[in-house]
C-alpha atoms as a PDB file:
ATOM      1  CA  MET A   1      41.308  31.764 -19.132  1.00  0.00           C
ATOM      2  CA  LYS A   2      41.710  28.046 -19.776  1.00  0.00           C
ATOM      3  CA  ASN A   3      41.416  27.257 -16.037  1.00  0.00           C
ATOM      4  CA  LYS A   4      38.235  29.302 -15.770  1.00  0.00           C
ATOM      5  CA  SER A   5      36.765  27.475 -18.799  1.00  0.00           C
ATOM      6  CA  VAL A   6      37.595  24.090 -17.279  1.00  0.00           C
ATOM      7  CA  SER A   7      36.159  25.249 -13.948  1.00  0.00           C
ATOM      8  CA  VAL A   8      32.865  26.315 -15.571  1.00  0.00           C
ATOM      9  CA  LYS A   9      32.631  23.051 -17.514  1.00  0.00           C
ATOM     10  CA  TRP A  10      33.337  21.116 -14.316  1.00  0.00           C
ATOM     11  CA  MET A  11      30.579  23.039 -12.486  1.00  0.00           C
ATOM     12  CA  ILE A  12      28.116  22.344 -15.306  1.00  0.00           C
ATOM     13  CA  LEU A  13      29.021  18.654 -15.262  1.00  0.00           C
ATOM     14  CA  LYS A  14      28.615  18.444 -11.464  1.00  0.00           C
ATOM     15  CA  ALA A  15      25.274  20.269 -11.609  1.00  0.00           C
ATOM     16  CA  SER A  16      24.054  17.981 -14.396  1.00  0.00           C
ATOM     17  CA  LEU A  17      25.080  14.899 -12.445  1.00  0.00           C
ATOM     18  CA  ALA A  18      23.377  16.245  -9.329  1.00  0.00           C
ATOM     19  CA  VAL A  19      20.124  16.862 -11.214  1.00  0.00           C
ATOM     20  CA  PHE A  20      20.342  13.422 -12.828  1.00  0.00           C
ATOM     21  CA  GLY A  21      21.060  11.837  -9.455  1.00  0.00           C
ATOM     22  CA  LEU A  22      18.127  13.567  -7.781  1.00  0.00           C
ATOM     23  CA  SER A  23      15.751  12.665 -10.583  1.00  0.00           C
ATOM     24  CA  SER A  24      16.969   9.066 -10.489  1.00  0.00           C
ATOM     25  CA  PHE A  25      16.472   9.012  -6.727  1.00  0.00           C
ATOM     26  CA  GLY A  26      12.920  10.269  -7.222  1.00  0.00           C
ATOM     27  CA  VAL A  27      12.267   7.523  -9.753  1.00  0.00           C
ATOM     28  CA  GLY A  28      13.721   5.039  -7.282  1.00  0.00           C
ATOM     29  CA  ILE A  29      11.218   6.123  -4.673  1.00  0.00           C
ATOM     30  CA  ALA A  30       8.372   5.808  -7.162  1.00  0.00           C
ATOM     31  CA  VAL A  31       9.563   2.363  -8.214  1.00  0.00           C
ATOM     32  CA  ALA A  32       9.620   1.261  -4.554  1.00  0.00           C
ATOM     33  CA  GLY A  33       5.898   1.656  -4.939  1.00  0.00           C
ATOM     34  CA  PRO A  34       2.946   2.749  -2.947  1.00  0.00           C
ATOM     35  CA  MET A  35       1.877  -0.843  -2.218  1.00  0.00           C
ATOM     36  CA  TYR A  36       2.982  -3.305   0.428  1.00  0.00           C
ATOM     37  CA  VAL A  37       2.462  -6.872  -0.826  1.00  0.00           C
ATOM     38  CA  GLU A  38       2.900 -10.168   0.966  1.00  0.00           C
ATOM     39  CA  SER A  39       2.030 -13.758   0.159  1.00  0.00           C
ATOM     40  CA  VAL A  40       0.651 -16.483   2.383  1.00  0.00           C
ATOM     41  CA  ALA A  41       0.741 -20.159   1.406  1.00  0.00           C
ATOM     42  CA  ALA A  42      -2.899 -20.693   2.377  1.00  0.00           C
ATOM     43  CA  PRO A  43      -6.313 -20.075   0.826  1.00  0.00           C
ATOM     44  CA  ILE A  44      -8.246 -16.905   1.638  1.00  0.00           C
ATOM     45  CA  SER A  45     -10.685 -18.914   3.777  1.00  0.00           C
ATOM     46  CA  LYS A  46      -7.795 -19.561   6.200  1.00  0.00           C
ATOM     47  CA  VAL A  47      -6.041 -16.191   5.791  1.00  0.00           C
ATOM     48  CA  MET A  48      -8.979 -13.818   6.378  1.00  0.00           C
ATOM     49  CA  PRO A  49      -9.778 -14.883   9.980  1.00  0.00           C
ATOM     50  CA  GLU A  50      -6.072 -14.707  10.895  1.00  0.00           C
ATOM     51  CA  LEU A  51      -5.700 -11.336   9.186  1.00  0.00           C
ATOM     52  CA  GLN A  52      -8.665  -9.855  11.038  1.00  0.00           C
ATOM     53  CA  LYS A  53      -7.368 -11.273  14.329  1.00  0.00           C
ATOM     54  CA  GLU A  54      -3.924  -9.707  13.777  1.00  0.00           C
ATOM     55  CA  LEU A  55      -5.429  -6.335  12.817  1.00  0.00           C
ATOM     56  CA  GLY A  56      -7.365  -6.433  16.102  1.00  0.00           C
ATOM     57  CA  LYS A  57      -4.220  -7.255  18.088  1.00  0.00           C
ATOM     58  CA  HIS A  58      -2.598  -4.173  16.535  1.00  0.00           C
ATOM     59  CA  HIS A  59      -5.502  -1.923  17.636  1.00  0.00           C
ATOM     60  CA  PHE A  60      -7.391  -1.765  14.351  1.00  0.00           C
ATOM     61  CA  LYS A  61     -11.141  -2.336  14.077  1.00  0.00           C
ATOM     62  CA  VAL A  62     -12.467  -4.043  10.946  1.00  0.00           C
ATOM     63  CA  VAL A  63     -15.596  -2.123   9.963  1.00  0.00           C
ATOM     64  CA  LEU A  64     -16.363  -3.779   6.624  1.00  0.00           C
ATOM     65  CA  HIS A  65     -15.463  -7.031   4.885  1.00  0.00           C
ATOM     66  CA  LEU A  66     -16.406  -7.410   1.218  1.00  0.00           C
ATOM     67  CA  ASP A  67     -16.165 -10.496  -0.961  1.00  0.00           C
ATOM     68  CA  ILE A  68     -15.648  -8.371  -4.073  1.00  0.00           C
ATOM     69  CA  LEU A  69     -15.175 -11.006  -6.759  1.00  0.00           C
ATOM     70  CA  LYS A  70     -18.116 -13.066  -5.500  1.00  0.00           C
ATOM     71  CA  MET A  71     -20.400 -10.002  -5.555  1.00  0.00           C
ATOM     72  CA  ILE A  72     -19.334  -9.016  -9.063  1.00  0.00           C
ATOM     73  CA  LYS A  73     -19.650 -12.565 -10.416  1.00  0.00           C
ATOM     74  CA  ALA A  74     -23.160 -12.775  -8.945  1.00  0.00           C
ATOM     75  CA  LYS A  75     -24.118  -9.710 -11.030  1.00  0.00           C
ATOM     76  CA  GLN A  76     -22.116 -10.618 -14.137  1.00  0.00           C
ATOM     77  CA  HIS A  77     -25.302 -11.613 -15.989  1.00  0.00           C
ATOM     78  CA  ILE A  78     -26.392  -7.954 -15.652  1.00  0.00           C
ATOM     79  CA  LEU A  79     -23.001  -6.208 -15.754  1.00  0.00           C
ATOM     80  CA  HIS A  80     -21.434  -8.068 -18.701  1.00  0.00           C
ATOM     81  CA  ILE A  81     -17.900  -7.017 -17.724  1.00  0.00           C
ATOM     82  CA  PRO A  82     -15.518  -8.049 -20.515  1.00  0.00           C
ATOM     83  CA  ASN A  83     -12.546 -10.220 -19.504  1.00  0.00           C
ATOM     84  CA  LEU A  84     -13.770 -10.524 -15.917  1.00  0.00           C
ATOM     85  CA  ASP A  85     -10.954 -11.817 -13.704  1.00  0.00           C
ATOM     86  CA  LYS A  86      -8.474 -12.357 -16.520  1.00  0.00           C
ATOM     87  CA  PRO A  87      -5.674 -13.240 -14.004  1.00  0.00           C
ATOM     88  CA  GLY A  88      -7.850 -16.141 -12.793  1.00  0.00           C
ATOM     89  CA  PHE A  89      -8.194 -15.420  -9.081  1.00  0.00           C
ATOM     90  CA  SER A  90     -10.440 -17.797  -7.176  1.00  0.00           C
ATOM     91  CA  ASP A  91     -11.343 -15.107  -4.664  1.00  0.00           C
ATOM     92  CA  VAL A  92     -10.807 -11.373  -4.056  1.00  0.00           C
ATOM     93  CA  GLN A  93     -11.835  -9.867  -0.721  1.00  0.00           C
ATOM     94  CA  SER A  94     -11.385  -6.411   0.776  1.00  0.00           C
ATOM     95  CA  VAL A  95     -11.261  -5.193   4.340  1.00  0.00           C
ATOM     96  CA  VAL A  96     -11.961  -1.660   5.547  1.00  0.00           C
ATOM     97  CA  PHE A  97     -10.504  -0.954   8.986  1.00  0.00           C
ATOM     98  CA  CYS A  98      -9.577   1.961  11.218  1.00  0.00           C
ATOM     99  CA  ASN A  99      -7.903   3.218  14.354  1.00  0.00           C
ATOM    100  CA  PRO A 100      -9.565   6.408  15.648  1.00  0.00           C
ATOM    101  CA  PHE A 101      -6.351   7.609  17.295  1.00  0.00           C
ATOM    102  CA  PHE A 102      -4.465   7.512  13.993  1.00  0.00           C
ATOM    103  CA  PHE A 103      -7.369   9.256  12.254  1.00  0.00           C
ATOM    104  CA  ASN A 104      -7.283  12.029  14.850  1.00  0.00           C
ATOM    105  CA  GLN A 105      -3.511  12.409  14.494  1.00  0.00           C
ATOM    106  CA  LEU A 106      -3.903  12.813  10.717  1.00  0.00           C
ATOM    107  CA  LEU A 107      -6.749  15.271  11.240  1.00  0.00           C
ATOM    108  CA  ASN A 108      -4.656  17.374  13.604  1.00  0.00           C
ATOM    109  CA  ALA A 109      -1.445  17.214  11.558  1.00  0.00           C
ATOM    110  CA  HIS A 110      -2.956  18.058   8.162  1.00  0.00           C
ATOM    111  CA  TRP A 111      -6.724  17.766   7.985  1.00  0.00           C
ATOM    112  CA  GLU A 112      -6.794  16.994   4.251  1.00  0.00           C
ATOM    113  CA  SER A 113      -4.626  13.934   4.894  1.00  0.00           C
ATOM    114  CA  SER A 114      -7.289  12.425   7.138  1.00  0.00           C
ATOM    115  CA  ALA A 115      -8.933  11.393   3.851  1.00  0.00           C
ATOM    116  CA  ALA A 116      -6.355   8.563   3.915  1.00  0.00           C
ATOM    117  CA  CYS A 117      -8.725   6.935   6.409  1.00  0.00           C
ATOM    118  CA  PRO A 118     -10.424   4.555   6.628  1.00  0.00           C
ATOM    119  CA  LEU A 119      -7.688   2.096   5.825  1.00  0.00           C
ATOM    120  CA  THR A 120      -8.161  -0.625   3.240  1.00  0.00           C
ATOM    121  CA  LEU A 121      -6.454  -3.746   1.998  1.00  0.00           C
ATOM    122  CA  THR A 122      -7.342  -6.414  -0.522  1.00  0.00           C
ATOM    123  CA  VAL A 123      -6.604 -10.133  -0.433  1.00  0.00           C
ATOM    124  CA  TYR A 124      -6.330 -12.079  -3.691  1.00  0.00           C
ATOM    125  CA  GLY A 125      -6.532 -15.872  -3.780  1.00  0.00           C
ATOM    126  CA  ARG A 126      -5.294 -18.252  -6.447  1.00  0.00           C
ATOM    127  CA  GLY A 127      -4.138 -21.857  -6.357  1.00  0.00           C
ATOM    128  CA  GLY A 128      -4.282 -22.242  -2.576  1.00  0.00           C
ATOM    129  CA  LYS A 129      -2.134 -19.126  -2.095  1.00  0.00           C
ATOM    130  CA  SER A 130      -3.182 -15.642  -0.950  1.00  0.00           C
ATOM    131  CA  TYR A 131      -1.704 -12.226  -1.636  1.00  0.00           C
ATOM    132  CA  ILE A 132      -2.360  -9.332   0.742  1.00  0.00           C
ATOM    133  CA  VAL A 133      -2.045  -5.869  -0.825  1.00  0.00           C
ATOM    134  CA  TYR A 134      -2.039  -2.752   1.367  1.00  0.00           C
ATOM    135  CA  PRO A 135      -1.860   0.755  -0.158  1.00  0.00           C
ATOM    136  CA  LYS A 136       0.691   2.629   1.958  1.00  0.00           C
ATOM    137  CA  ARG A 137      -0.595   5.825   3.520  1.00  0.00           C
ATOM    138  CA  VAL A 138       2.700   7.653   2.960  1.00  0.00           C
ATOM    139  CA  ALA A 139       1.800   7.559  -0.736  1.00  0.00           C
ATOM    140  CA  LEU A 140      -1.425   9.426   0.043  1.00  0.00           C
ATOM    141  CA  THR A 141      -0.140  12.024   2.484  1.00  0.00           C
ATOM    142  CA  GLY A 142       2.940  12.893   0.459  1.00  0.00           C
ATOM    143  CA  ASN A 143       5.261  15.528   1.832  1.00  0.00           C
ATOM    144  CA  THR A 144       2.732  17.114   4.206  1.00  0.00           C
ATOM    145  CA  PRO A 145       2.846  17.644   7.968  1.00  0.00           C
ATOM    146  CA  ALA A 146       0.968  14.319   8.225  1.00  0.00           C
ATOM    147  CA  LEU A 147       3.831  12.302   6.716  1.00  0.00           C
ATOM    148  CA  ASN A 148       5.175  11.140  10.097  1.00  0.00           C
ATOM    149  CA  VAL A 149       1.705  10.002  11.155  1.00  0.00           C
ATOM    150  CA  ALA A 150       1.342   8.106   7.866  1.00  0.00           C
ATOM    151  CA  LYS A 151       4.676   6.405   8.541  1.00  0.00           C
ATOM    152  CA  LYS A 152       3.402   5.300  11.971  1.00  0.00           C
ATOM    153  CA  ILE A 153       0.184   3.990  10.416  1.00  0.00           C
ATOM    154  CA  ASP A 154       2.069   2.037   7.744  1.00  0.00           C
ATOM    155  CA  LYS A 155       4.432   0.586  10.340  1.00  0.00           C
ATOM    156  CA  ALA A 156       1.511  -0.563  12.509  1.00  0.00           C
ATOM    157  CA  VAL A 157      -0.472  -2.045   9.602  1.00  0.00           C
ATOM    158  CA  ILE A 158       2.553  -3.802   8.120  1.00  0.00           C
ATOM    159  CA  GLY A 159       3.357  -5.093  11.614  1.00  0.00           C
ATOM    160  CA  ALA A 160      -0.107  -6.646  11.750  1.00  0.00           C
ATOM    161  CA  LEU A 161       0.242  -8.108   8.255  1.00  0.00           C
ATOM    162  CA  THR A 162       3.631  -9.671   8.941  1.00  0.00           C
ATOM    163  CA  SER A 163       2.092 -11.295  12.037  1.00  0.00           C
ATOM    164  CA  VAL A 164      -0.300 -13.326   9.894  1.00  0.00           C
ATOM    165  CA  PRO A 165       0.946 -16.940  10.142  1.00  0.00           C
ATOM    166  CA  GLY A 166       2.994 -17.869   7.065  1.00  0.00           C
ATOM    167  CA  ALA A 167       3.118 -14.322   5.680  1.00  0.00           C
ATOM    168  CA  GLN A 168       6.123 -13.515   3.480  1.00  0.00           C
ATOM    169  CA  PRO A 169       6.777  -9.971   2.203  1.00  0.00           C
ATOM    170  CA  VAL A 170       6.880  -9.754  -1.596  1.00  0.00           C
ATOM    171  CA  ARG A 171       7.499  -5.978  -1.828  1.00  0.00           C
END
């Protein structure tokens, strides 16, 4: 009976460790984060033209470019946003871009996941340095049939971003 008791305890311990390990792995994935971030040792005025050029080389079309912080600051006298730009960025700009082939692949793989398009990224400037932040599409598609398409999209976008002169991945 003692061997059976030890065997049951051992099974419970192994199962507990397995559950803990899986939950820790899940947390590890979440910590890896849904954002790709890179820095460029140049002001946004130099980074944005290069960024748009690299997106084009990687078969993406920029459909909208917004100077977000400038637009908000211009309306601050009406908006009265408390603590506007507390981190002290000199500029914040966003780009909306797309690739119709990727959109169609998402649509065909899992139509709900095509809501991950159009693609967006935001560039933050401070002290002559820029930070490019891209929300990964794998975070939006999750474990759906569109996951492999999202991986291809992320690989292509990150490929374009790493091609920006002086770009260094942060995370």
